[in-house]
Amino acid sequence: STLMRSSAASDVYKRQTLDDAKAYIIPMGFYKGKTIGELCLEKPSALTWYVDSYSGKNNLLRAAAKVLLDAAK
């Protein structure tokens, strides 16, 4: 996945707790102002997009989405 291509993103992912990930507020784009936890409930497919397709530099956003996706498995 895109997340694991970056060692910085991988490090962020390893340090994030589930509660941290759920509380992370999306800082830009269509879902700006929502938390990753809210997005998980409203549009879970968007989390997959943040992990696999998001090409921005926000590793916290990518990692938070991955933490929630992994927890849902």
Protein backbone atom coordinates (compact mmCIF):
# COMPACT_ATOMS: atom_id res chain seq x y z
CA SER A 1 0.00 0.00 0.00
CA THR A 2 0.98 3.64 -0.32
CA LEU A 3 1.40 3.91 3.45
CA MET A 4 4.19 1.42 3.66
CA ARG A 5 6.16 3.02 0.80
CA SER A 6 7.20 5.77 3.18
CA SER A 7 9.22 4.91 6.25
CA ALA A 8 7.97 8.12 7.91
CA ALA A 9 4.35 7.05 7.35
CA SER A 10 5.13 3.58 8.65
CA ASP A 11 6.64 5.07 11.82
CA VAL A 12 3.57 7.27 12.36
CA TYR A 13 1.29 4.26 11.89
CA LYS A 14 3.17 2.22 14.51
CA ARG A 15 2.79 5.00 17.09
CA GLN A 16 -0.92 5.70 16.61
CA THR A 17 -3.44 4.20 18.99
CA LEU A 18 -6.96 3.39 17.87
CA ASP A 19 -8.32 6.25 19.98
CA ASP A 20 -5.80 8.69 18.46
CA ALA A 21 -6.78 7.57 14.98
CA LYS A 22 -10.52 7.89 15.63
CA ALA A 23 -10.06 11.42 16.99
CA TYR A 24 -7.84 12.68 14.15
CA ILE A 25 -9.58 15.61 12.41
CA ILE A 26 -9.28 15.66 8.63
CA PRO A 27 -7.63 19.02 7.84
CA MET A 28 -8.55 19.45 4.18
CA GLY A 29 -10.65 18.31 1.28
CA PHE A 30 -14.22 17.12 1.06
CA TYR A 31 -14.26 15.66 4.60
CA LYS A 32 -12.47 18.59 6.25
CA GLY A 33 -13.51 18.98 9.90
CA LYS A 34 -14.72 15.40 10.34
CA THR A 35 -12.80 12.93 12.43
CA ILE A 36 -11.50 9.71 10.94
CA GLY A 37 -13.85 7.93 13.36
CA GLU A 38 -16.87 9.80 11.95
CA LEU A 39 -15.74 9.03 8.42
CA CYS A 40 -15.40 5.36 9.32
CA LEU A 41 -19.08 5.30 10.24
CA GLU A 42 -20.37 7.52 7.42
CA LYS A 43 -18.25 6.41 4.48
CA PRO A 44 -15.84 3.56 5.24
CA SER A 45 -14.72 3.36 1.61
CA ALA A 46 -13.13 6.79 2.01
CA LEU A 47 -10.67 5.28 4.51
CA THR A 48 -9.51 2.85 1.84
CA TRP A 49 -8.98 5.78 -0.51
CA TYR A 50 -6.85 7.62 2.07
CA VAL A 51 -4.68 4.52 2.52
CA ASP A 52 -4.38 3.40 -1.12
CA SER A 53 -4.85 6.50 -3.28
CA TYR A 54 -4.15 9.64 -1.25
CA SER A 55 -0.93 11.15 -2.58
CA GLY A 56 -0.55 14.11 -0.24
CA LYS A 57 2.14 14.57 2.37
CA ASN A 58 -0.09 14.14 5.43
CA ASN A 59 1.23 10.91 6.93
CA LEU A 60 -0.97 11.33 10.04
CA LEU A 61 -4.11 11.24 7.91
CA ARG A 62 -2.96 8.19 5.97
CA ALA A 63 -1.87 6.38 9.14
CA ALA A 64 -5.10 7.14 11.02
CA ALA A 65 -7.15 5.72 8.15
CA LYS A 66 -5.00 2.58 8.11
CA VAL A 67 -5.28 2.09 11.86
CA LEU A 68 -9.08 2.11 11.61
CA LEU A 69 -9.14 -0.15 8.57
CA ASP A 70 -6.86 -2.64 10.29
CA ALA A 71 -8.99 -2.55 13.45
CA ALA A 72 -12.09 -3.37 11.39
CA LYS A 73 -10.58 -6.57 9.97
